[in-house]
Amino acid sequence: MQEIVREPVGGSPAVRALRAVGRYVRAAPGTYCWLLLLAVTSFVVARMDPANLEWFLGKRSTNIEQLRAHPVHALLASAIWTEQAAFPFYFVIFNVFHVPVERWLGTRRWLTVALTAHVLATLISEGIVAWGVDAGRLPANLATTVDVGVSYALAGVEGVLTYRFAGRWRWLYGGGLLFFYLLPLITSHTFTDLGHFCSVLIGLSFYRFARGRPTWDPVAAWHGRPRRRVG
């Protein structure tokens, strides 16, 4: 009589691993939808003729020309296109910052922070550029420069992530983050540096989103102590 071999409860290691990955992705659906769009656009950028790439991205940029002609399209399109096909880099960065914040705050609040930082930082930085161009203080070609990418939204999410840390770690992370974005602004004075710094401040302004949410102390977590909540 042939013996019936049963699979162990829970399935094979490969099945369990796939289920774990599925649970991880489902916990941050917004981040992974965004990454999927970036995977597609990175594929397009990598295969586009460099001679046409600048023109193509220029039509999807949040520069002065596009913001004046098609503001909504420019703000939305610029958030899913990048100047270089560097999807592996974005995959890592999104998992380090966006995923923890989306899981911590929830998709709606995470998306609110990311989009608010992206939109407001763009309008502030490009508004100053527009004033400088109109006043003759800045080169006229800045009105049509390529300005795409996810960095403003990322900086905003990095800012609100400050409140995920407990005690001295919050001050250490927040102070380091401000220094990281303030130094280029002081030394380079570019409109993107201004946009990044504004994005961090916008992220920090969402303290109320973090109230009542659990905080994380790396040392306490290492020793297995319970998490506290943001006051």
C-alpha atoms as a PDB file:
ATOM      1  CA  MET A   1       0.000   0.000   0.000  1.00  0.00           C
ATOM      2  CA  GLN A   2       1.440   3.303  -1.048  1.00  0.00           C
ATOM      3  CA  GLU A   3       2.074   5.671   1.806  1.00  0.00           C
ATOM      4  CA  ILE A   4       0.523   9.106   1.462  1.00  0.00           C
ATOM      5  CA  VAL A   5       3.012  11.891   2.164  1.00  0.00           C
ATOM      6  CA  ARG A   6       1.387  15.028   3.516  1.00  0.00           C
ATOM      7  CA  GLU A   7       2.885  18.482   3.287  1.00  0.00           C
ATOM      8  CA  PRO A   8       3.588  19.989   6.699  1.00  0.00           C
ATOM      9  CA  VAL A   9       1.082  22.529   7.991  1.00  0.00           C
ATOM     10  CA  GLY A  10       1.854  25.929   6.491  1.00  0.00           C
ATOM     11  CA  GLY A  11       3.338  24.584   3.272  1.00  0.00           C
ATOM     12  CA  SER A  12       6.906  24.424   2.039  1.00  0.00           C
ATOM     13  CA  PRO A  13       9.516  27.046   2.974  1.00  0.00           C
ATOM     14  CA  ALA A  14       9.105  28.658  -0.458  1.00  0.00           C
ATOM     15  CA  VAL A  15       5.345  28.965   0.039  1.00  0.00           C
ATOM     16  CA  ARG A  16       5.791  30.415   3.509  1.00  0.00           C
ATOM     17  CA  ALA A  17       8.337  32.896   2.171  1.00  0.00           C
ATOM     18  CA  LEU A  18       5.949  33.991  -0.591  1.00  0.00           C
ATOM     19  CA  ARG A  19       3.171  34.445   1.939  1.00  0.00           C
ATOM     20  CA  ALA A  20       5.456  36.523   4.145  1.00  0.00           C
ATOM     21  CA  VAL A  21       6.394  38.718   1.182  1.00  0.00           C
ATOM     22  CA  GLY A  22       2.722  39.064   0.297  1.00  0.00           C
ATOM     23  CA  ARG A  23       1.869  40.187   3.826  1.00  0.00           C
ATOM     24  CA  TYR A  24       4.747  42.671   3.779  1.00  0.00           C
ATOM     25  CA  VAL A  25       3.618  44.192   0.479  1.00  0.00           C
ATOM     26  CA  ARG A  26      -0.051  44.337   1.526  1.00  0.00           C
ATOM     27  CA  ALA A  27       0.955  46.286   4.634  1.00  0.00           C
ATOM     28  CA  ALA A  28       2.197  49.152   2.418  1.00  0.00           C
ATOM     29  CA  PRO A  29       0.085  49.024  -0.775  1.00  0.00           C
ATOM     30  CA  GLY A  30       0.597  52.663  -1.696  1.00  0.00           C
ATOM     31  CA  THR A  31       4.370  52.407  -1.627  1.00  0.00           C
ATOM     32  CA  TYR A  32       4.426  49.333  -3.830  1.00  0.00           C
ATOM     33  CA  CYS A  33       1.958  50.786  -6.335  1.00  0.00           C
ATOM     34  CA  TRP A  34       4.290  53.781  -6.587  1.00  0.00           C
ATOM     35  CA  LEU A  35       7.281  51.493  -7.009  1.00  0.00           C
ATOM     36  CA  LEU A  36       5.466  49.619  -9.766  1.00  0.00           C
ATOM     37  CA  LEU A  37       4.937  52.882 -11.658  1.00  0.00           C
ATOM     38  CA  LEU A  38       8.604  53.779 -11.141  1.00  0.00           C
ATOM     39  CA  ALA A  39       9.640  50.368 -12.470  1.00  0.00           C
ATOM     40  CA  VAL A  40       7.682  51.028 -15.674  1.00  0.00           C
ATOM     41  CA  THR A  41       8.945  54.589 -16.138  1.00  0.00           C
ATOM     42  CA  SER A  42      12.541  53.576 -15.333  1.00  0.00           C
ATOM     43  CA  PHE A  43      12.271  50.912 -18.025  1.00  0.00           C
ATOM     44  CA  VAL A  44      11.118  53.565 -20.516  1.00  0.00           C
ATOM     45  CA  VAL A  45      13.869  56.020 -19.533  1.00  0.00           C
ATOM     46  CA  ALA A  46      16.553  53.348 -19.826  1.00  0.00           C
ATOM     47  CA  ARG A  47      15.546  52.551 -23.410  1.00  0.00           C
ATOM     48  CA  MET A  48      14.825  56.037 -24.687  1.00  0.00           C
ATOM     49  CA  ASP A  49      17.136  57.810 -27.103  1.00  0.00           C
ATOM     50  CA  PRO A  50      19.188  60.290 -25.006  1.00  0.00           C
ATOM     51  CA  ALA A  51      18.635  62.912 -27.711  1.00  0.00           C
ATOM     52  CA  ASN A  52      14.886  62.808 -27.043  1.00  0.00           C
ATOM     53  CA  LEU A  53      14.944  62.113 -23.309  1.00  0.00           C
ATOM     54  CA  GLU A  54      15.395  65.715 -22.162  1.00  0.00           C
ATOM     55  CA  TRP A  55      12.485  66.919 -24.320  1.00  0.00           C
ATOM     56  CA  PHE A  56      10.318  64.017 -23.137  1.00  0.00           C
ATOM     57  CA  LEU A  57      11.009  64.634 -19.433  1.00  0.00           C
ATOM     58  CA  GLY A  58      10.691  68.385 -19.912  1.00  0.00           C
ATOM     59  CA  LYS A  59       7.036  67.873 -20.827  1.00  0.00           C
ATOM     60  CA  ARG A  60       6.546  66.012 -17.536  1.00  0.00           C
ATOM     61  CA  SER A  61       8.510  68.406 -15.338  1.00  0.00           C
ATOM     62  CA  THR A  62       7.428  70.794 -12.636  1.00  0.00           C
ATOM     63  CA  ASN A  63       9.246  73.679 -14.287  1.00  0.00           C
ATOM     64  CA  ILE A  64       7.715  77.137 -14.673  1.00  0.00           C
ATOM     65  CA  GLU A  65       6.541  76.563 -18.227  1.00  0.00           C
ATOM     66  CA  GLN A  66       4.690  73.331 -17.430  1.00  0.00           C
ATOM     67  CA  LEU A  67       3.279  74.576 -14.124  1.00  0.00           C
ATOM     68  CA  ARG A  68       1.782  77.598 -15.842  1.00  0.00           C
ATOM     69  CA  ALA A  69       0.350  75.611 -18.754  1.00  0.00           C
ATOM     70  CA  HIS A  70      -0.579  72.258 -17.145  1.00  0.00           C
ATOM     71  CA  PRO A  71      -0.164  72.502 -13.340  1.00  0.00           C
ATOM     72  CA  VAL A  72      -2.043  69.336 -12.317  1.00  0.00           C
ATOM     73  CA  HIS A  73      -0.452  67.186 -15.026  1.00  0.00           C
ATOM     74  CA  ALA A  74       3.011  68.520 -14.210  1.00  0.00           C
ATOM     75  CA  LEU A  75       2.660  67.834 -10.472  1.00  0.00           C
ATOM     76  CA  LEU A  76       1.337  64.302 -10.960  1.00  0.00           C
ATOM     77  CA  ALA A  77       3.583  63.240 -13.840  1.00  0.00           C
ATOM     78  CA  SER A  78       6.763  64.524 -12.242  1.00  0.00           C
ATOM     79  CA  ALA A  79       6.210  62.218  -9.254  1.00  0.00           C
ATOM     80  CA  ILE A  80       6.520  59.036 -11.331  1.00  0.00           C
ATOM     81  CA  TRP A  81       9.368  59.973 -13.676  1.00  0.00           C
ATOM     82  CA  THR A  82      13.082  60.219 -12.905  1.00  0.00           C
ATOM     83  CA  GLU A  83      15.989  61.542 -14.935  1.00  0.00           C
ATOM     84  CA  GLN A  84      17.939  58.303 -14.596  1.00  0.00           C
ATOM     85  CA  ALA A  85      16.875  54.676 -14.671  1.00  0.00           C
ATOM     86  CA  ALA A  86      17.902  53.781 -11.116  1.00  0.00           C
ATOM     87  CA  PHE A  87      15.012  51.607  -9.980  1.00  0.00           C
ATOM     88  CA  PRO A  88      17.095  49.385  -7.614  1.00  0.00           C
ATOM     89  CA  PHE A  89      18.126  52.519  -5.715  1.00  0.00           C
ATOM     90  CA  TYR A  90      14.522  53.700  -5.393  1.00  0.00           C
ATOM     91  CA  PHE A  91      13.408  50.232  -4.349  1.00  0.00           C
ATOM     92  CA  VAL A  92      15.835  50.304  -1.425  1.00  0.00           C
ATOM     93  CA  ILE A  93      15.039  53.905  -0.441  1.00  0.00           C
ATOM     94  CA  PHE A  94      11.288  53.343  -0.571  1.00  0.00           C
ATOM     95  CA  ASN A  95      11.610  50.271   1.645  1.00  0.00           C
ATOM     96  CA  VAL A  96      13.793  52.135   4.133  1.00  0.00           C
ATOM     97  CA  PHE A  97      11.539  55.208   4.465  1.00  0.00           C
ATOM     98  CA  HIS A  98       8.161  54.980   2.727  1.00  0.00           C
ATOM     99  CA  VAL A  99       7.244  51.456   3.831  1.00  0.00           C
ATOM    100  CA  PRO A 100       7.815  52.063   7.579  1.00  0.00           C
ATOM    101  CA  VAL A 101       5.877  55.336   7.484  1.00  0.00           C
ATOM    102  CA  GLU A 102       2.944  53.879   5.538  1.00  0.00           C
ATOM    103  CA  ARG A 103       2.728  50.927   7.920  1.00  0.00           C
ATOM    104  CA  TRP A 104       3.020  53.247  10.912  1.00  0.00           C
ATOM    105  CA  LEU A 105       0.617  56.040   9.880  1.00  0.00           C
ATOM    106  CA  GLY A 106      -1.624  54.175   7.452  1.00  0.00           C
ATOM    107  CA  THR A 107      -1.869  54.652   3.702  1.00  0.00           C
ATOM    108  CA  ARG A 108      -4.095  57.733   3.754  1.00  0.00           C
ATOM    109  CA  ARG A 109      -1.921  59.725   6.154  1.00  0.00           C
ATOM    110  CA  TRP A 110       1.315  58.577   4.529  1.00  0.00           C
ATOM    111  CA  LEU A 111       0.046  59.650   1.107  1.00  0.00           C
ATOM    112  CA  THR A 112      -1.134  62.996   2.494  1.00  0.00           C
ATOM    113  CA  VAL A 113       2.331  63.750   3.848  1.00  0.00           C
ATOM    114  CA  ALA A 114       4.093  62.642   0.645  1.00  0.00           C
ATOM    115  CA  LEU A 115       1.820  64.560  -1.741  1.00  0.00           C
ATOM    116  CA  THR A 116       1.713  67.684   0.423  1.00  0.00           C
ATOM    117  CA  ALA A 117       5.512  67.805   0.551  1.00  0.00           C
ATOM    118  CA  HIS A 118       5.768  67.172  -3.193  1.00  0.00           C
ATOM    119  CA  VAL A 119       3.239  69.860  -4.136  1.00  0.00           C
ATOM    120  CA  LEU A 120       4.088  72.600  -1.630  1.00  0.00           C
ATOM    121  CA  ALA A 121       7.867  72.268  -1.943  1.00  0.00           C
ATOM    122  CA  THR A 122       7.519  72.409  -5.725  1.00  0.00           C
ATOM    123  CA  LEU A 123       5.349  75.522  -5.620  1.00  0.00           C
ATOM    124  CA  ILE A 124       7.652  77.261  -3.142  1.00  0.00           C
ATOM    125  CA  SER A 125      10.900  76.512  -4.983  1.00  0.00           C
ATOM    126  CA  GLU A 126       9.501  77.123  -8.463  1.00  0.00           C
ATOM    127  CA  GLY A 127       7.712  80.248  -7.255  1.00  0.00           C
ATOM    128  CA  ILE A 128      11.050  81.724  -6.216  1.00  0.00           C
ATOM    129  CA  VAL A 129      12.572  80.670  -9.543  1.00  0.00           C
ATOM    130  CA  ALA A 130       9.669  82.314 -11.404  1.00  0.00           C
ATOM    131  CA  TRP A 131      10.165  85.520  -9.444  1.00  0.00           C
ATOM    132  CA  GLY A 132      13.895  85.479 -10.199  1.00  0.00           C
ATOM    133  CA  VAL A 133      13.391  84.814 -13.910  1.00  0.00           C
ATOM    134  CA  ASP A 134      10.697  87.493 -14.262  1.00  0.00           C
ATOM    135  CA  ALA A 135      12.893  89.986 -12.414  1.00  0.00           C
ATOM    136  CA  GLY A 136      15.912  89.161 -14.565  1.00  0.00           C
ATOM    137  CA  ARG A 137      17.895  87.874 -11.599  1.00  0.00           C
ATOM    138  CA  LEU A 138      17.990  84.266 -12.834  1.00  0.00           C
ATOM    139  CA  PRO A 139      18.679  82.789 -16.301  1.00  0.00           C
ATOM    140  CA  ALA A 140      15.584  82.502 -18.489  1.00  0.00           C
ATOM    141  CA  ASN A 141      16.352  78.847 -19.328  1.00  0.00           C
ATOM    142  CA  LEU A 142      15.418  77.862 -15.758  1.00  0.00           C
ATOM    143  CA  ALA A 143      11.792  78.223 -16.858  1.00  0.00           C
ATOM    144  CA  THR A 144      12.128  75.078 -18.972  1.00  0.00           C
ATOM    145  CA  THR A 145      14.622  73.034 -16.972  1.00  0.00           C
ATOM    146  CA  VAL A 146      13.946  69.349 -16.359  1.00  0.00           C
ATOM    147  CA  ASP A 147      12.631  68.869 -12.828  1.00  0.00           C
ATOM    148  CA  VAL A 148      11.208  65.403 -12.170  1.00  0.00           C
ATOM    149  CA  GLY A 149      11.592  62.878  -9.392  1.00  0.00           C
ATOM    150  CA  VAL A 150      10.361  61.601  -6.075  1.00  0.00           C
ATOM    151  CA  SER A 151      12.809  63.384  -3.791  1.00  0.00           C
ATOM    152  CA  TYR A 152      10.482  66.076  -2.415  1.00  0.00           C
ATOM    153  CA  ALA A 153       7.907  63.486  -1.348  1.00  0.00           C
ATOM    154  CA  LEU A 154      10.702  61.348   0.075  1.00  0.00           C
ATOM    155  CA  ALA A 155      12.111  64.229   2.123  1.00  0.00           C
ATOM    156  CA  GLY A 156       8.648  64.976   3.519  1.00  0.00           C
ATOM    157  CA  VAL A 157       8.197  61.358   4.582  1.00  0.00           C
ATOM    158  CA  GLU A 158      11.672  61.367   6.099  1.00  0.00           C
ATOM    159  CA  GLY A 159      10.612  64.439   8.074  1.00  0.00           C
ATOM    160  CA  VAL A 160       7.478  62.922   9.612  1.00  0.00           C
ATOM    161  CA  LEU A 161       9.446  59.742  10.364  1.00  0.00           C
ATOM    162  CA  THR A 162      11.210  61.787  13.060  1.00  0.00           C
ATOM    163  CA  TYR A 163       8.229  61.211  15.343  1.00  0.00           C
ATOM    164  CA  ARG A 164       8.565  57.453  14.968  1.00  0.00           C
ATOM    165  CA  PHE A 165      11.632  57.599  17.223  1.00  0.00           C
ATOM    166  CA  ALA A 166      11.455  57.864  20.983  1.00  0.00           C
ATOM    167  CA  GLY A 167      13.427  60.064  23.349  1.00  0.00           C
ATOM    168  CA  ARG A 168      16.914  61.128  22.367  1.00  0.00           C
ATOM    169  CA  TRP A 169      16.737  59.125  19.166  1.00  0.00           C
ATOM    170  CA  ARG A 170      14.105  61.555  17.840  1.00  0.00           C
ATOM    171  CA  TRP A 171      16.420  64.489  18.379  1.00  0.00           C
ATOM    172  CA  LEU A 172      19.380  62.623  16.911  1.00  0.00           C
ATOM    173  CA  TYR A 173      17.512  61.559  13.770  1.00  0.00           C
ATOM    174  CA  GLY A 174      15.673  64.880  13.319  1.00  0.00           C
ATOM    175  CA  GLY A 175      18.790  66.977  13.868  1.00  0.00           C
ATOM    176  CA  GLY A 176      20.816  64.825  11.495  1.00  0.00           C
ATOM    177  CA  LEU A 177      18.079  65.045   8.867  1.00  0.00           C
ATOM    178  CA  LEU A 178      17.891  68.839   9.060  1.00  0.00           C
ATOM    179  CA  PHE A 179      21.666  69.115   8.826  1.00  0.00           C
ATOM    180  CA  PHE A 180      21.732  66.722   5.847  1.00  0.00           C
ATOM    181  CA  TYR A 181      19.337  68.918   3.857  1.00  0.00           C
ATOM    182  CA  LEU A 182      20.404  72.322   5.186  1.00  0.00           C
ATOM    183  CA  LEU A 183      24.094  71.958   4.294  1.00  0.00           C
ATOM    184  CA  PRO A 184      23.532  71.705   0.501  1.00  0.00           C
ATOM    185  CA  LEU A 185      21.130  74.651   0.665  1.00  0.00           C
ATOM    186  CA  ILE A 186      23.790  76.791   2.342  1.00  0.00           C
ATOM    187  CA  THR A 187      26.634  75.710   0.058  1.00  0.00           C
ATOM    188  CA  SER A 188      24.911  75.300  -3.330  1.00  0.00           C
ATOM    189  CA  HIS A 189      21.844  77.609  -3.219  1.00  0.00           C
ATOM    190  CA  THR A 190      19.924  75.640  -5.868  1.00  0.00           C
ATOM    191  CA  PHE A 191      16.140  75.600  -6.104  1.00  0.00           C
ATOM    192  CA  THR A 192      16.105  71.820  -5.609  1.00  0.00           C
ATOM    193  CA  ASP A 193      18.071  72.183  -2.370  1.00  0.00           C
ATOM    194  CA  LEU A 194      15.472  74.714  -1.229  1.00  0.00           C
ATOM    195  CA  GLY A 195      12.693  72.321  -2.210  1.00  0.00           C
ATOM    196  CA  HIS A 196      14.259  69.454  -0.266  1.00  0.00           C
ATOM    197  CA  PHE A 197      14.681  71.543   2.878  1.00  0.00           C
ATOM    198  CA  CYS A 198      11.114  72.827   2.632  1.00  0.00           C
ATOM    199  CA  SER A 199       9.908  69.238   2.208  1.00  0.00           C
ATOM    200  CA  VAL A 200      11.558  68.167   5.464  1.00  0.00           C
ATOM    201  CA  LEU A 201       9.940  71.082   7.303  1.00  0.00           C
ATOM    202  CA  ILE A 202       6.575  70.175   5.788  1.00  0.00           C
ATOM    203  CA  GLY A 203       7.006  66.592   6.967  1.00  0.00           C
ATOM    204  CA  LEU A 204       7.874  67.814  10.458  1.00  0.00           C
ATOM    205  CA  SER A 205       4.691  69.920  10.495  1.00  0.00           C
ATOM    206  CA  PHE A 206       2.575  66.737  10.479  1.00  0.00           C
ATOM    207  CA  TYR A 207       3.150  66.037  14.165  1.00  0.00           C
ATOM    208  CA  ARG A 208      -0.587  65.568  14.761  1.00  0.00           C
ATOM    209  CA  PHE A 209      -0.595  62.608  12.386  1.00  0.00           C
ATOM    210  CA  ALA A 210       1.876  60.879  14.695  1.00  0.00           C
ATOM    211  CA  ARG A 211       0.009  61.494  17.947  1.00  0.00           C
ATOM    212  CA  GLY A 212      -1.089  58.261  19.557  1.00  0.00           C
ATOM    213  CA  ARG A 213       1.094  56.179  17.253  1.00  0.00           C
ATOM    214  CA  PRO A 214       3.756  53.839  18.699  1.00  0.00           C
ATOM    215  CA  THR A 215       7.326  55.100  18.867  1.00  0.00           C
ATOM    216  CA  TRP A 216      10.512  53.131  18.488  1.00  0.00           C
ATOM    217  CA  ASP A 217      13.597  53.140  20.686  1.00  0.00           C
ATOM    218  CA  PRO A 218      16.366  51.069  19.033  1.00  0.00           C
ATOM    219  CA  VAL A 219      18.002  50.183  22.356  1.00  0.00           C
ATOM    220  CA  ALA A 220      14.716  49.270  24.016  1.00  0.00           C
ATOM    221  CA  ALA A 221      13.704  47.225  20.971  1.00  0.00           C
ATOM    222  CA  TRP A 222      17.011  45.366  21.178  1.00  0.00           C
ATOM    223  CA  HIS A 223      16.259  44.444  24.800  1.00  0.00           C
ATOM    224  CA  GLY A 224      12.633  43.563  24.048  1.00  0.00           C
ATOM    225  CA  ARG A 225      10.967  46.402  25.980  1.00  0.00           C
ATOM    226  CA  PRO A 226       7.427  47.514  25.022  1.00  0.00           C
ATOM    227  CA  ARG A 227       6.975  50.470  22.688  1.00  0.00           C
ATOM    228  CA  ARG A 228       5.651  53.813  23.876  1.00  0.00           C
ATOM    229  CA  ARG A 229       3.261  56.066  21.996  1.00  0.00           C
ATOM    230  CA  VAL A 230       3.699  59.615  20.728  1.00  0.00           C
ATOM    231  CA  GLY A 231       2.100  62.009  23.201  1.00  0.00           C
END
